[in-house]
Amino acid sequence: MAEAKQSFGGKWTAEKLQRLRKYLHAYVQIMKRQTWCEYCYIDAFAGTGYNTPKDTEASEDSFAELLPEVASSETQAFLGSSVRLALETMPAFMRYVFIEKDQAKAAELAKLKADYPSLADRIEPRAGDANAEIQQICSTWNWRNRRAVLFLYPFGMQVTWDTIRAVAETNAIDMWLLFPAGIGVNRMLPKHGDIPEAWKRRLDAFLGVPESVWRPEFYKEESESDLFGISSSTQKVATIKSIGRYFNERLKTVFEHVAPNPLELCNDSGTSLYLLCFAAKNATAVKIANDVLRP
């Protein structure tokens, strides 16, 4: 897997939002001919739905100090723009669900009904934890006659594997996921290998397997004998690309089709922040997504 790389923010943000618009347009063009089903748009961590949020504070998540990039206006502009992108896609989706844990931001999302009066009865803002809300949607909606696109753009490491698996088990949701390979996972894997217990628990929950499974993918443990006995050493072998490959392989354990080349998003200094990933049940959806992920 050779990830494409692009700078995060600025002109790139506008360009990639246009490409995502192209994906949504292609999706609704296909789905409008499927008269047997309702097609929906779901946005987790939706923010206010405005490109320049007033609140540029990092997430209240306890790991926020590890992820200073999430507070940047460019990052939040990208993450928040997908809401309006979906609302402006024509033909319109039949239903829009916007999830935001922060009560104030959730209230702002409700104002979108006034901005898009023709869609007001289709817009459903939800104030709650994204993991809980998405899992509830996945387990209670009738997926025999419903399909959806999900934009899962967390500000850090909040998503759990249980949520990703629930999405896959619907066999009806196309998932876009902003995977924090650089700003999250890589930083929780220190070179010395001594990972704090809280970070281990977060990695377990995010990757869906215990440390005993993911650690050998990211570290090489060596033992040596000398006059003083046996000594052991730990070497970090994980890179952004290997972390991305590992996560894509994890996605393949629950989704039938996964885009092979996630798009690597970097800041202006070239530091890798995220991988934009795509997974779905339908092979055609992945073919369309590959056009979006191509640089």
C-alpha atoms as a PDB file:
ATOM      1  CA  MET A   1       0.000   0.000   0.000  1.00  0.00           C
ATOM      2  CA  ALA A   2       1.502   3.322  -1.082  1.00  0.00           C
ATOM      3  CA  GLU A   3      -0.448   6.170   0.464  1.00  0.00           C
ATOM      4  CA  ALA A   4      -0.910   9.338  -1.529  1.00  0.00           C
ATOM      5  CA  LYS A   5       0.265  12.405   0.352  1.00  0.00           C
ATOM      6  CA  GLN A   6      -1.180  15.900   0.426  1.00  0.00           C
ATOM      7  CA  SER A   7      -0.821  18.980   2.598  1.00  0.00           C
ATOM      8  CA  PHE A   8      -3.631  19.421   5.121  1.00  0.00           C
ATOM      9  CA  GLY A   9      -5.523  22.680   4.939  1.00  0.00           C
ATOM     10  CA  GLY A  10      -5.546  25.729   2.655  1.00  0.00           C
ATOM     11  CA  LYS A  11      -6.013  25.108  -1.062  1.00  0.00           C
ATOM     12  CA  TRP A  12      -5.817  21.348  -0.514  1.00  0.00           C
ATOM     13  CA  THR A  13      -8.816  21.446   1.834  1.00  0.00           C
ATOM     14  CA  ALA A  14     -10.934  23.167  -0.797  1.00  0.00           C
ATOM     15  CA  GLU A  15      -9.780  20.738  -3.490  1.00  0.00           C
ATOM     16  CA  LYS A  16     -10.424  17.620  -1.440  1.00  0.00           C
ATOM     17  CA  LEU A  17     -13.821  18.878  -0.305  1.00  0.00           C
ATOM     18  CA  GLN A  18     -14.660  19.227  -3.984  1.00  0.00           C
ATOM     19  CA  ARG A  19     -13.604  15.618  -4.514  1.00  0.00           C
ATOM     20  CA  LEU A  20     -15.715  14.470  -1.591  1.00  0.00           C
ATOM     21  CA  ARG A  21     -18.590  16.425  -3.097  1.00  0.00           C
ATOM     22  CA  LYS A  22     -18.012  14.431  -6.273  1.00  0.00           C
ATOM     23  CA  TYR A  23     -18.281  11.191  -4.292  1.00  0.00           C
ATOM     24  CA  LEU A  24     -21.517  12.246  -2.593  1.00  0.00           C
ATOM     25  CA  HIS A  25     -22.981  13.355  -5.910  1.00  0.00           C
ATOM     26  CA  ALA A  26     -22.097  10.012  -7.503  1.00  0.00           C
ATOM     27  CA  TYR A  27     -23.600   8.219  -4.500  1.00  0.00           C
ATOM     28  CA  VAL A  28     -26.968   9.991  -4.650  1.00  0.00           C
ATOM     29  CA  GLN A  29     -27.122   9.626  -8.427  1.00  0.00           C
ATOM     30  CA  ILE A  30     -26.858   5.875  -7.983  1.00  0.00           C
ATOM     31  CA  MET A  31     -29.144   5.668  -4.975  1.00  0.00           C
ATOM     32  CA  LYS A  32     -31.976   7.793  -6.390  1.00  0.00           C
ATOM     33  CA  ARG A  33     -32.623   4.964  -8.840  1.00  0.00           C
ATOM     34  CA  GLN A  34     -32.984   2.483  -5.967  1.00  0.00           C
ATOM     35  CA  THR A  35     -36.635   3.130  -5.231  1.00  0.00           C
ATOM     36  CA  TRP A  36     -36.755   0.340  -2.663  1.00  0.00           C
ATOM     37  CA  CYS A  37     -34.593   2.125  -0.074  1.00  0.00           C
ATOM     38  CA  GLU A  38     -34.019   5.315   1.887  1.00  0.00           C
ATOM     39  CA  TYR A  39     -30.503   6.720   1.587  1.00  0.00           C
ATOM     40  CA  CYS A  40     -29.080   8.753   4.449  1.00  0.00           C
ATOM     41  CA  TYR A  41     -26.086  10.831   5.435  1.00  0.00           C
ATOM     42  CA  ILE A  42     -24.547  10.463   8.916  1.00  0.00           C
ATOM     43  CA  ASP A  43     -21.838  12.757  10.257  1.00  0.00           C
ATOM     44  CA  ALA A  44     -20.164  11.998  13.591  1.00  0.00           C
ATOM     45  CA  PHE A  45     -18.207  14.692  15.441  1.00  0.00           C
ATOM     46  CA  ALA A  46     -20.091  17.139  13.231  1.00  0.00           C
ATOM     47  CA  GLY A  47     -19.120  20.323  15.088  1.00  0.00           C
ATOM     48  CA  THR A  48     -21.227  23.357  14.241  1.00  0.00           C
ATOM     49  CA  GLY A  49     -21.419  22.782  10.514  1.00  0.00           C
ATOM     50  CA  TYR A  50     -19.610  26.048   9.883  1.00  0.00           C
ATOM     51  CA  ASN A  51     -16.185  26.305   8.282  1.00  0.00           C
ATOM     52  CA  THR A  52     -14.758  28.547  11.005  1.00  0.00           C
ATOM     53  CA  PRO A  53     -15.926  27.359  14.439  1.00  0.00           C
ATOM     54  CA  LYS A  54     -15.820  30.002  17.152  1.00  0.00           C
ATOM     55  CA  ASP A  55     -14.437  27.466  19.573  1.00  0.00           C
ATOM     56  CA  THR A  56     -11.005  26.336  18.415  1.00  0.00           C
ATOM     57  CA  GLU A  57     -10.198  24.573  21.650  1.00  0.00           C
ATOM     58  CA  ALA A  58      -8.982  21.000  21.403  1.00  0.00           C
ATOM     59  CA  SER A  59     -11.361  18.205  22.302  1.00  0.00           C
ATOM     60  CA  GLU A  60     -12.152  17.691  25.952  1.00  0.00           C
ATOM     61  CA  ASP A  61     -10.722  14.228  25.444  1.00  0.00           C
ATOM     62  CA  SER A  62      -8.004  13.482  28.013  1.00  0.00           C
ATOM     63  CA  PHE A  63      -5.527  12.854  25.214  1.00  0.00           C
ATOM     64  CA  ALA A  64      -5.937  16.334  23.769  1.00  0.00           C
ATOM     65  CA  GLU A  65      -2.505  17.463  24.959  1.00  0.00           C
ATOM     66  CA  LEU A  66      -1.019  14.768  22.749  1.00  0.00           C
ATOM     67  CA  LEU A  67      -2.851  16.079  19.681  1.00  0.00           C
ATOM     68  CA  PRO A  68      -2.281  19.858  19.436  1.00  0.00           C
ATOM     69  CA  GLU A  69      -3.006  19.876  15.687  1.00  0.00           C
ATOM     70  CA  VAL A  70      -6.707  19.219  16.241  1.00  0.00           C
ATOM     71  CA  ALA A  71      -7.090  22.753  17.603  1.00  0.00           C
ATOM     72  CA  SER A  72      -5.922  24.383  14.366  1.00  0.00           C
ATOM     73  CA  SER A  73      -8.533  26.309  12.414  1.00  0.00           C
ATOM     74  CA  GLU A  74      -7.563  24.513   9.181  1.00  0.00           C
ATOM     75  CA  THR A  75      -8.124  21.093  10.719  1.00  0.00           C
ATOM     76  CA  GLN A  76     -11.474  22.028  12.215  1.00  0.00           C
ATOM     77  CA  ALA A  77     -12.520  23.723   8.983  1.00  0.00           C
ATOM     78  CA  PHE A  78     -11.949  20.477   7.113  1.00  0.00           C
ATOM     79  CA  LEU A  79     -13.703  18.379   9.737  1.00  0.00           C
ATOM     80  CA  GLY A  80     -16.695  20.702   9.966  1.00  0.00           C
ATOM     81  CA  SER A  81     -17.198  21.308   6.261  1.00  0.00           C
ATOM     82  CA  SER A  82     -18.569  17.875   5.436  1.00  0.00           C
ATOM     83  CA  VAL A  83     -21.912  18.809   7.044  1.00  0.00           C
ATOM     84  CA  ARG A  84     -22.677  21.585   4.600  1.00  0.00           C
ATOM     85  CA  LEU A  85     -21.098  19.589   1.803  1.00  0.00           C
ATOM     86  CA  ALA A  86     -23.756  16.940   2.307  1.00  0.00           C
ATOM     87  CA  LEU A  87     -26.602  19.437   2.644  1.00  0.00           C
ATOM     88  CA  GLU A  88     -25.616  21.072  -0.648  1.00  0.00           C
ATOM     89  CA  THR A  89     -25.376  17.790  -2.555  1.00  0.00           C
ATOM     90  CA  MET A  90     -28.151  17.382  -5.098  1.00  0.00           C
ATOM     91  CA  PRO A  91     -30.310  15.418  -5.380  1.00  0.00           C
ATOM     92  CA  ALA A  92     -30.697  15.620  -1.639  1.00  0.00           C
ATOM     93  CA  PHE A  93     -30.295  12.774   0.812  1.00  0.00           C
ATOM     94  CA  MET A  94     -33.535  11.559   2.341  1.00  0.00           C
ATOM     95  CA  ARG A  95     -32.251  11.940   5.889  1.00  0.00           C
ATOM     96  CA  TYR A  96     -29.341  13.699   7.626  1.00  0.00           C
ATOM     97  CA  VAL A  97     -28.068  12.753  11.077  1.00  0.00           C
ATOM     98  CA  PHE A  98     -25.476  15.063  12.662  1.00  0.00           C
ATOM     99  CA  ILE A  99     -23.884  13.861  15.902  1.00  0.00           C
ATOM    100  CA  GLU A 100     -22.031  16.141  18.303  1.00  0.00           C
ATOM    101  CA  LYS A 101     -21.257  15.499  21.971  1.00  0.00           C
ATOM    102  CA  ASP A 102     -20.856  19.164  22.883  1.00  0.00           C
ATOM    103  CA  GLN A 103     -24.297  20.545  23.757  1.00  0.00           C
ATOM    104  CA  ALA A 104     -23.544  24.052  22.484  1.00  0.00           C
ATOM    105  CA  LYS A 105     -22.290  22.788  19.134  1.00  0.00           C
ATOM    106  CA  ALA A 106     -25.238  20.438  18.843  1.00  0.00           C
ATOM    107  CA  ALA A 107     -27.522  23.446  19.337  1.00  0.00           C
ATOM    108  CA  GLU A 108     -25.681  25.240  16.537  1.00  0.00           C
ATOM    109  CA  LEU A 109     -26.298  22.256  14.279  1.00  0.00           C
ATOM    110  CA  ALA A 110     -30.015  22.672  14.850  1.00  0.00           C
ATOM    111  CA  LYS A 111     -29.763  26.122  13.236  1.00  0.00           C
ATOM    112  CA  LEU A 112     -28.967  24.417   9.949  1.00  0.00           C
ATOM    113  CA  LYS A 113     -32.695  23.793   9.596  1.00  0.00           C
ATOM    114  CA  ALA A 114     -33.178  27.529   9.155  1.00  0.00           C
ATOM    115  CA  ASP A 115     -30.301  27.742   6.686  1.00  0.00           C
ATOM    116  CA  TYR A 116     -31.717  24.878   4.623  1.00  0.00           C
ATOM    117  CA  PRO A 117     -35.503  25.203   5.056  1.00  0.00           C
ATOM    118  CA  SER A 118     -36.330  22.805   2.224  1.00  0.00           C
ATOM    119  CA  LEU A 119     -34.402  20.100   4.103  1.00  0.00           C
ATOM    120  CA  ALA A 120     -35.478  21.040   7.632  1.00  0.00           C
ATOM    121  CA  ASP A 121     -37.700  18.007   8.153  1.00  0.00           C
ATOM    122  CA  ARG A 122     -34.840  15.722   7.066  1.00  0.00           C
ATOM    123  CA  ILE A 123     -32.186  17.151   9.422  1.00  0.00           C
ATOM    124  CA  GLU A 124     -31.727  15.363  12.749  1.00  0.00           C
ATOM    125  CA  PRO A 125     -29.090  16.847  15.105  1.00  0.00           C
ATOM    126  CA  ARG A 126     -28.139  14.512  17.954  1.00  0.00           C
ATOM    127  CA  ALA A 127     -26.342  15.588  21.125  1.00  0.00           C
ATOM    128  CA  GLY A 128     -24.463  12.599  22.457  1.00  0.00           C
ATOM    129  CA  ASP A 129     -21.379  10.432  22.401  1.00  0.00           C
ATOM    130  CA  ALA A 130     -20.619   9.477  18.797  1.00  0.00           C
ATOM    131  CA  ASN A 131     -19.723   5.875  19.625  1.00  0.00           C
ATOM    132  CA  ALA A 132     -22.980   5.320  21.501  1.00  0.00           C
ATOM    133  CA  GLU A 133     -25.119   7.123  18.918  1.00  0.00           C
ATOM    134  CA  ILE A 134     -23.616   5.318  15.920  1.00  0.00           C
ATOM    135  CA  GLN A 135     -23.877   1.926  17.593  1.00  0.00           C
ATOM    136  CA  GLN A 136     -27.513   2.679  18.455  1.00  0.00           C
ATOM    137  CA  ILE A 137     -28.226   3.647  14.844  1.00  0.00           C
ATOM    138  CA  CYS A 138     -26.511   0.525  13.544  1.00  0.00           C
ATOM    139  CA  SER A 139     -28.411  -1.799  15.869  1.00  0.00           C
ATOM    140  CA  THR A 140     -31.900  -0.291  15.619  1.00  0.00           C
ATOM    141  CA  TRP A 141     -32.360   0.993  12.070  1.00  0.00           C
ATOM    142  CA  ASN A 142     -33.885  -1.332   9.486  1.00  0.00           C
ATOM    143  CA  TRP A 143     -31.031  -1.837   7.045  1.00  0.00           C
ATOM    144  CA  ARG A 144     -32.996  -4.035   4.680  1.00  0.00           C
ATOM    145  CA  ASN A 145     -34.472  -0.927   3.071  1.00  0.00           C
ATOM    146  CA  ARG A 146     -31.969   1.742   4.086  1.00  0.00           C
ATOM    147  CA  ARG A 147     -28.435   2.718   3.035  1.00  0.00           C
ATOM    148  CA  ALA A 148     -26.103   5.438   4.344  1.00  0.00           C
ATOM    149  CA  VAL A 149     -22.830   7.292   3.975  1.00  0.00           C
ATOM    150  CA  LEU A 150     -20.998   7.860   7.255  1.00  0.00           C
ATOM    151  CA  PHE A 151     -18.307  10.494   7.732  1.00  0.00           C
ATOM    152  CA  LEU A 152     -16.406   9.496  10.868  1.00  0.00           C
ATOM    153  CA  TYR A 153     -13.972  12.337  11.500  1.00  0.00           C
ATOM    154  CA  PRO A 154     -12.897  12.257  15.158  1.00  0.00           C
ATOM    155  CA  PHE A 155     -10.649  14.958  16.561  1.00  0.00           C
ATOM    156  CA  GLY A 156      -8.327  12.325  18.010  1.00  0.00           C
ATOM    157  CA  MET A 157      -8.603   8.758  19.253  1.00  0.00           C
ATOM    158  CA  GLN A 158     -12.230   8.749  20.396  1.00  0.00           C
ATOM    159  CA  VAL A 159     -13.578   6.137  17.979  1.00  0.00           C
ATOM    160  CA  THR A 160     -13.679   2.559  19.246  1.00  0.00           C
ATOM    161  CA  TRP A 161     -13.355  -0.625  17.231  1.00  0.00           C
ATOM    162  CA  ASP A 162     -16.765  -1.685  18.525  1.00  0.00           C
ATOM    163  CA  THR A 163     -18.218   1.263  16.597  1.00  0.00           C
ATOM    164  CA  ILE A 164     -16.324   0.431  13.400  1.00  0.00           C
ATOM    165  CA  ARG A 165     -17.431  -3.195  13.645  1.00  0.00           C
ATOM    166  CA  ALA A 166     -21.061  -2.160  14.220  1.00  0.00           C
ATOM    167  CA  VAL A 167     -20.914  -0.035  11.069  1.00  0.00           C
ATOM    168  CA  ALA A 168     -19.516  -2.944   9.052  1.00  0.00           C
ATOM    169  CA  GLU A 169     -22.131  -5.376  10.350  1.00  0.00           C
ATOM    170  CA  THR A 170     -24.961  -3.329   8.868  1.00  0.00           C
ATOM    171  CA  ASN A 171     -23.687  -4.262   5.389  1.00  0.00           C
ATOM    172  CA  ALA A 172     -25.308  -1.019   4.316  1.00  0.00           C
ATOM    173  CA  ILE A 173     -23.008   1.889   5.278  1.00  0.00           C
ATOM    174  CA  ASP A 174     -20.180   3.410   3.240  1.00  0.00           C
ATOM    175  CA  MET A 175     -17.667   4.681   5.812  1.00  0.00           C
ATOM    176  CA  TRP A 176     -15.160   7.503   5.423  1.00  0.00           C
ATOM    177  CA  LEU A 177     -12.792   7.517   8.398  1.00  0.00           C
ATOM    178  CA  LEU A 178     -10.076  10.007   9.269  1.00  0.00           C
ATOM    179  CA  PHE A 179      -7.555   7.697  10.947  1.00  0.00           C
ATOM    180  CA  PRO A 180      -5.128   9.591  13.254  1.00  0.00           C
ATOM    181  CA  ALA A 181      -2.075   7.543  12.287  1.00  0.00           C
ATOM    182  CA  GLY A 182       0.410  10.370  12.752  1.00  0.00           C
ATOM    183  CA  ILE A 183      -1.044  12.578  15.449  1.00  0.00           C
ATOM    184  CA  GLY A 184      -2.530   9.733  17.480  1.00  0.00           C
ATOM    185  CA  VAL A 185      -1.304   6.167  17.113  1.00  0.00           C
ATOM    186  CA  ASN A 186       2.309   6.963  16.229  1.00  0.00           C
ATOM    187  CA  ARG A 187       2.692   9.314  19.183  1.00  0.00           C
ATOM    188  CA  MET A 188       1.323   6.681  21.533  1.00  0.00           C
ATOM    189  CA  LEU A 189       4.110   4.370  20.436  1.00  0.00           C
ATOM    190  CA  PRO A 190       7.268   5.857  22.032  1.00  0.00           C
ATOM    191  CA  LYS A 191      10.616   4.671  20.734  1.00  0.00           C
ATOM    192  CA  HIS A 192      11.570   3.109  24.076  1.00  0.00           C
ATOM    193  CA  GLY A 193       8.423   0.986  24.057  1.00  0.00           C
ATOM    194  CA  ASP A 194       7.349   1.896  27.592  1.00  0.00           C
ATOM    195  CA  ILE A 195       3.731   2.787  26.832  1.00  0.00           C
ATOM    196  CA  PRO A 196       1.563   4.269  29.623  1.00  0.00           C
ATOM    197  CA  GLU A 197      -1.311   2.030  30.648  1.00  0.00           C
ATOM    198  CA  ALA A 198      -3.920   4.622  29.648  1.00  0.00           C
ATOM    199  CA  TRP A 199      -2.455   4.765  26.145  1.00  0.00           C
ATOM    200  CA  LYS A 200      -2.459   0.970  25.906  1.00  0.00           C
ATOM    201  CA  ARG A 201      -6.141   0.880  26.775  1.00  0.00           C
ATOM    202  CA  ARG A 202      -6.909   3.514  24.166  1.00  0.00           C
ATOM    203  CA  LEU A 203      -4.942   1.651  21.501  1.00  0.00           C
ATOM    204  CA  ASP A 204      -6.675  -1.614  22.450  1.00  0.00           C
ATOM    205  CA  ALA A 205     -10.085   0.037  22.058  1.00  0.00           C
ATOM    206  CA  PHE A 206      -9.197   1.804  18.819  1.00  0.00           C
ATOM    207  CA  LEU A 207      -7.525  -1.143  17.079  1.00  0.00           C
ATOM    208  CA  GLY A 208      -9.889  -3.761  18.468  1.00  0.00           C
ATOM    209  CA  VAL A 209      -7.197  -6.164  19.661  1.00  0.00           C
ATOM    210  CA  PRO A 210      -5.126  -6.376  22.879  1.00  0.00           C
ATOM    211  CA  GLU A 211      -1.538  -5.194  23.195  1.00  0.00           C
ATOM    212  CA  SER A 212      -0.251  -8.754  22.806  1.00  0.00           C
ATOM    213  CA  VAL A 213      -1.563  -8.676  19.214  1.00  0.00           C
ATOM    214  CA  TRP A 214      -0.673  -5.167  18.025  1.00  0.00           C
ATOM    215  CA  ARG A 215       2.626  -4.693  19.843  1.00  0.00           C
ATOM    216  CA  PRO A 216       4.623  -7.175  17.675  1.00  0.00           C
ATOM    217  CA  GLU A 217       3.491  -5.193  14.641  1.00  0.00           C
ATOM    218  CA  PHE A 218       5.063  -2.017  15.974  1.00  0.00           C
ATOM    219  CA  TYR A 219       8.039  -3.165  18.078  1.00  0.00           C
ATOM    220  CA  LYS A 220      10.858  -5.645  17.747  1.00  0.00           C
ATOM    221  CA  GLU A 221      11.946  -7.271  20.984  1.00  0.00           C
ATOM    222  CA  GLU A 222      15.489  -8.670  21.143  1.00  0.00           C
ATOM    223  CA  SER A 223      17.372 -10.614  23.803  1.00  0.00           C
ATOM    224  CA  GLU A 224      21.150 -10.854  24.117  1.00  0.00           C
ATOM    225  CA  SER A 225      23.427 -12.897  26.361  1.00  0.00           C
ATOM    226  CA  ASP A 226      26.652 -11.558  27.818  1.00  0.00           C
ATOM    227  CA  LEU A 227      28.877 -12.111  30.863  1.00  0.00           C
ATOM    228  CA  PHE A 228      26.265 -10.513  33.069  1.00  0.00           C
ATOM    229  CA  GLY A 229      23.357 -12.666  31.876  1.00  0.00           C
ATOM    230  CA  ILE A 230      20.523 -12.010  29.438  1.00  0.00           C
ATOM    231  CA  SER A 231      19.511  -8.489  28.506  1.00  0.00           C
ATOM    232  CA  SER A 232      16.568  -7.434  26.400  1.00  0.00           C
ATOM    233  CA  SER A 233      16.016  -4.415  24.190  1.00  0.00           C
ATOM    234  CA  THR A 234      13.040  -2.907  22.411  1.00  0.00           C
ATOM    235  CA  GLN A 235      13.169  -1.251  19.004  1.00  0.00           C
ATOM    236  CA  LYS A 236      10.271   0.644  17.473  1.00  0.00           C
ATOM    237  CA  VAL A 237       9.781  -0.493  13.890  1.00  0.00           C
ATOM    238  CA  ALA A 238       6.442   1.229  13.297  1.00  0.00           C
ATOM    239  CA  THR A 239       6.230   3.955  10.650  1.00  0.00           C
ATOM    240  CA  ILE A 240       3.256   5.978   9.469  1.00  0.00           C
ATOM    241  CA  LYS A 241       2.986   3.711   6.433  1.00  0.00           C
ATOM    242  CA  SER A 242       3.208   0.488   8.433  1.00  0.00           C
ATOM    243  CA  ILE A 243       0.634   1.792  10.927  1.00  0.00           C
ATOM    244  CA  GLY A 244      -1.633   2.639   8.010  1.00  0.00           C
ATOM    245  CA  ARG A 245      -1.177  -0.776   6.422  1.00  0.00           C
ATOM    246  CA  TYR A 246      -1.936  -2.474   9.720  1.00  0.00           C
ATOM    247  CA  PHE A 247      -5.118  -0.460  10.239  1.00  0.00           C
ATOM    248  CA  ASN A 248      -6.276  -1.120   6.686  1.00  0.00           C
ATOM    249  CA  GLU A 249      -5.772  -4.837   7.297  1.00  0.00           C
ATOM    250  CA  ARG A 250      -7.831  -4.514  10.457  1.00  0.00           C
ATOM    251  CA  LEU A 251     -10.627  -2.883   8.436  1.00  0.00           C
ATOM    252  CA  LYS A 252     -10.550  -5.844   6.051  1.00  0.00           C
ATOM    253  CA  THR A 253     -11.445  -8.166   8.928  1.00  0.00           C
ATOM    254  CA  VAL A 254     -14.895  -6.561   9.194  1.00  0.00           C
ATOM    255  CA  PHE A 255     -15.567  -4.891   5.810  1.00  0.00           C
ATOM    256  CA  GLU A 256     -15.869  -6.738   2.515  1.00  0.00           C
ATOM    257  CA  HIS A 257     -14.141  -3.949   0.565  1.00  0.00           C
ATOM    258  CA  VAL A 258     -11.512  -1.446   1.726  1.00  0.00           C
ATOM    259  CA  ALA A 259      -9.841   1.233  -0.405  1.00  0.00           C
ATOM    260  CA  PRO A 260      -6.218   0.044  -0.761  1.00  0.00           C
ATOM    261  CA  ASN A 261      -4.561   3.464  -0.777  1.00  0.00           C
ATOM    262  CA  PRO A 262      -5.617   5.782   2.060  1.00  0.00           C
ATOM    263  CA  LEU A 263      -4.716   9.412   1.497  1.00  0.00           C
ATOM    264  CA  GLU A 264      -2.007  10.691   3.852  1.00  0.00           C
ATOM    265  CA  LEU A 265      -2.757  14.202   5.114  1.00  0.00           C
ATOM    266  CA  CYS A 266       0.176  16.315   6.279  1.00  0.00           C
ATOM    267  CA  ASN A 267       0.575  19.780   7.710  1.00  0.00           C
ATOM    268  CA  ASP A 268       2.549  22.498   5.910  1.00  0.00           C
ATOM    269  CA  SER A 269       5.814  21.280   7.437  1.00  0.00           C
ATOM    270  CA  GLY A 270       5.270  17.783   6.067  1.00  0.00           C
ATOM    271  CA  THR A 271       4.335  16.132   9.346  1.00  0.00           C
ATOM    272  CA  SER A 272       1.842  13.314   8.795  1.00  0.00           C
ATOM    273  CA  LEU A 273      -1.426  13.835  10.661  1.00  0.00           C
ATOM    274  CA  TYR A 274      -4.145  11.546   9.322  1.00  0.00           C
ATOM    275  CA  LEU A 275      -4.955   8.871   6.791  1.00  0.00           C
ATOM    276  CA  LEU A 276      -8.266   9.289   4.989  1.00  0.00           C
ATOM    277  CA  CYS A 277      -9.669   5.753   4.751  1.00  0.00           C
ATOM    278  CA  PHE A 278     -12.715   4.265   3.059  1.00  0.00           C
ATOM    279  CA  ALA A 279     -14.531   0.968   3.580  1.00  0.00           C
ATOM    280  CA  ALA A 280     -17.839  -0.455   2.374  1.00  0.00           C
ATOM    281  CA  LYS A 281     -19.674  -3.640   1.458  1.00  0.00           C
ATOM    282  CA  ASN A 282     -20.041  -2.602  -2.161  1.00  0.00           C
ATOM    283  CA  ALA A 283     -17.074  -2.908  -4.532  1.00  0.00           C
ATOM    284  CA  THR A 284     -18.426  -0.157  -6.797  1.00  0.00           C
ATOM    285  CA  ALA A 285     -18.371   2.287  -3.893  1.00  0.00           C
ATOM    286  CA  VAL A 286     -14.661   1.598  -3.383  1.00  0.00           C
ATOM    287  CA  LYS A 287     -13.961   2.223  -7.074  1.00  0.00           C
ATOM    288  CA  ILE A 288     -15.596   5.634  -6.775  1.00  0.00           C
ATOM    289  CA  ALA A 289     -13.751   6.350  -3.522  1.00  0.00           C
ATOM    290  CA  ASN A 290     -10.414   5.533  -5.152  1.00  0.00           C
ATOM    291  CA  ASP A 291     -10.927   8.532  -7.431  1.00  0.00           C
ATOM    292  CA  VAL A 292     -11.328  10.725  -4.355  1.00  0.00           C
ATOM    293  CA  LEU A 293      -8.218   9.303  -2.734  1.00  0.00           C
ATOM    294  CA  ARG A 294      -6.059   9.719  -5.835  1.00  0.00           C
ATOM    295  CA  PRO A 295      -3.760  12.795  -5.508  1.00  0.00           C
END
